Amino acid sequence: MLLKLLLALILPGVLVVFFTRVTYNHYVGVFLAVALIAASIYKGYAESIFIIIIDIISLGVGFLYARNMGKKDRR
């Protein structure tokens, strides 16, 4: 359970940043990360609502970081 909690804190945010760097669009990065997280929830890998909430928070933090990263690149 602790490993899933740590992965829920880190992995969705990293996925958003990775997909943003690959697609050059932070909205597409969030969409792809949400699709992967939704698929993992559908398959049953998120066994509690607490882990799903932490996934959503991590997605939000990753989105904010990717958006700020895009602003730095434009300067």
C-alpha atoms as a PDB file:
ATOM      1  CA  MET A   1       0.000   0.000   0.000  1.00  0.00           C
ATOM      2  CA  LEU A   2       2.861   2.381   0.785  1.00  0.00           C
ATOM      3  CA  LEU A   3       4.439   1.782  -2.620  1.00  0.00           C
ATOM      4  CA  LYS A   4       1.151   2.541  -4.385  1.00  0.00           C
ATOM      5  CA  LEU A   5       0.823   5.720  -2.336  1.00  0.00           C
ATOM      6  CA  LEU A   6       4.316   6.896  -3.282  1.00  0.00           C
ATOM      7  CA  LEU A   7       3.733   6.069  -6.938  1.00  0.00           C
ATOM      8  CA  ALA A   8       0.412   7.932  -6.855  1.00  0.00           C
ATOM      9  CA  LEU A   9       2.225  10.986  -5.513  1.00  0.00           C
ATOM     10  CA  ILE A  10       4.959  11.007  -8.158  1.00  0.00           C
ATOM     11  CA  LEU A  11       3.997   9.139 -11.322  1.00  0.00           C
ATOM     12  CA  PRO A  12       1.000  11.130 -12.660  1.00  0.00           C
ATOM     13  CA  GLY A  13       2.873  14.425 -12.379  1.00  0.00           C
ATOM     14  CA  VAL A  14       5.903  12.978 -14.119  1.00  0.00           C
ATOM     15  CA  LEU A  15       3.662  11.568 -16.870  1.00  0.00           C
ATOM     16  CA  VAL A  16       2.125  14.991 -17.477  1.00  0.00           C
ATOM     17  CA  VAL A  17       5.559  16.609 -17.749  1.00  0.00           C
ATOM     18  CA  PHE A  18       6.838  13.831 -20.021  1.00  0.00           C
ATOM     19  CA  PHE A  19       3.846  13.957 -22.363  1.00  0.00           C
ATOM     20  CA  THR A  20       4.032  17.742 -22.416  1.00  0.00           C
ATOM     21  CA  ARG A  21       7.668  17.626 -23.498  1.00  0.00           C
ATOM     22  CA  VAL A  22       6.860  15.084 -26.205  1.00  0.00           C
ATOM     23  CA  THR A  23       3.747  16.800 -27.609  1.00  0.00           C
ATOM     24  CA  TYR A  24       4.685  20.451 -26.863  1.00  0.00           C
ATOM     25  CA  ASN A  25       1.191  21.028 -25.458  1.00  0.00           C
ATOM     26  CA  HIS A  26       0.342  20.790 -21.764  1.00  0.00           C
ATOM     27  CA  TYR A  27      -3.357  20.128 -22.435  1.00  0.00           C
ATOM     28  CA  VAL A  28      -2.529  17.075 -24.540  1.00  0.00           C
ATOM     29  CA  GLY A  29      -0.065  15.964 -21.855  1.00  0.00           C
ATOM     30  CA  VAL A  30      -2.771  16.108 -19.201  1.00  0.00           C
ATOM     31  CA  PHE A  31      -5.259  14.326 -21.460  1.00  0.00           C
ATOM     32  CA  LEU A  32      -2.855  11.445 -22.129  1.00  0.00           C
ATOM     33  CA  ALA A  33      -1.939  11.133 -18.444  1.00  0.00           C
ATOM     34  CA  VAL A  34      -5.617  11.139 -17.433  1.00  0.00           C
ATOM     35  CA  ALA A  35      -6.304   8.436 -20.020  1.00  0.00           C
ATOM     36  CA  LEU A  36      -3.569   6.245 -18.539  1.00  0.00           C
ATOM     37  CA  ILE A  37      -4.748   6.833 -14.976  1.00  0.00           C
ATOM     38  CA  ALA A  38      -8.364   6.120 -15.976  1.00  0.00           C
ATOM     39  CA  ALA A  39      -7.299   2.866 -17.613  1.00  0.00           C
ATOM     40  CA  SER A  40      -5.433   1.801 -14.482  1.00  0.00           C
ATOM     41  CA  ILE A  41      -8.455   2.631 -12.322  1.00  0.00           C
ATOM     42  CA  TYR A  42     -10.698   0.672 -14.686  1.00  0.00           C
ATOM     43  CA  LYS A  43      -8.377  -2.342 -14.504  1.00  0.00           C
ATOM     44  CA  GLY A  44      -8.536  -2.209 -10.690  1.00  0.00           C
ATOM     45  CA  TYR A  45      -5.018  -1.111  -9.785  1.00  0.00           C
ATOM     46  CA  ALA A  46      -6.263   1.777  -7.618  1.00  0.00           C
ATOM     47  CA  GLU A  47      -7.872  -0.077  -4.768  1.00  0.00           C
ATOM     48  CA  SER A  48      -9.060   2.891  -2.705  1.00  0.00           C
ATOM     49  CA  ILE A  49     -10.550   6.311  -3.280  1.00  0.00           C
ATOM     50  CA  PHE A  50      -7.632   7.817  -1.348  1.00  0.00           C
ATOM     51  CA  ILE A  51      -5.154   6.744  -4.033  1.00  0.00           C
ATOM     52  CA  ILE A  52      -7.429   8.128  -6.764  1.00  0.00           C
ATOM     53  CA  ILE A  53      -7.591  11.499  -4.981  1.00  0.00           C
ATOM     54  CA  ILE A  54      -3.795  11.592  -4.661  1.00  0.00           C
ATOM     55  CA  ASP A  55      -3.530  10.760  -8.389  1.00  0.00           C
ATOM     56  CA  ILE A  56      -5.755  13.735  -9.201  1.00  0.00           C
ATOM     57  CA  ILE A  57      -3.719  16.065  -6.980  1.00  0.00           C
ATOM     58  CA  SER A  58      -0.502  14.880  -8.611  1.00  0.00           C
ATOM     59  CA  LEU A  59      -2.006  15.458 -12.066  1.00  0.00           C
ATOM     60  CA  GLY A  60      -2.850  19.005 -11.040  1.00  0.00           C
ATOM     61  CA  VAL A  61       0.645  19.685  -9.740  1.00  0.00           C
ATOM     62  CA  GLY A  62       2.153  18.208 -12.902  1.00  0.00           C
ATOM     63  CA  PHE A  63      -0.118  20.402 -15.025  1.00  0.00           C
ATOM     64  CA  LEU A  64       0.942  23.548 -13.144  1.00  0.00           C
ATOM     65  CA  TYR A  65       4.608  22.617 -13.491  1.00  0.00           C
ATOM     66  CA  ALA A  66       4.243  21.848 -17.214  1.00  0.00           C
ATOM     67  CA  ARG A  67       2.399  25.122 -17.806  1.00  0.00           C
ATOM     68  CA  ASN A  68       5.133  27.113 -16.054  1.00  0.00           C
ATOM     69  CA  MET A  69       7.772  25.152 -17.932  1.00  0.00           C
ATOM     70  CA  GLY A  70       6.105  26.154 -21.216  1.00  0.00           C
ATOM     71  CA  LYS A  71       6.122  29.808 -20.210  1.00  0.00           C
ATOM     72  CA  LYS A  72       9.880  29.654 -19.556  1.00  0.00           C
ATOM     73  CA  ASP A  73      10.495  28.115 -22.983  1.00  0.00           C
ATOM     74  CA  ARG A  74       8.647  30.929 -24.748  1.00  0.00           C
ATOM     75  CA  ARG A  75      10.839  33.666 -23.245  1.00  0.00           C
END
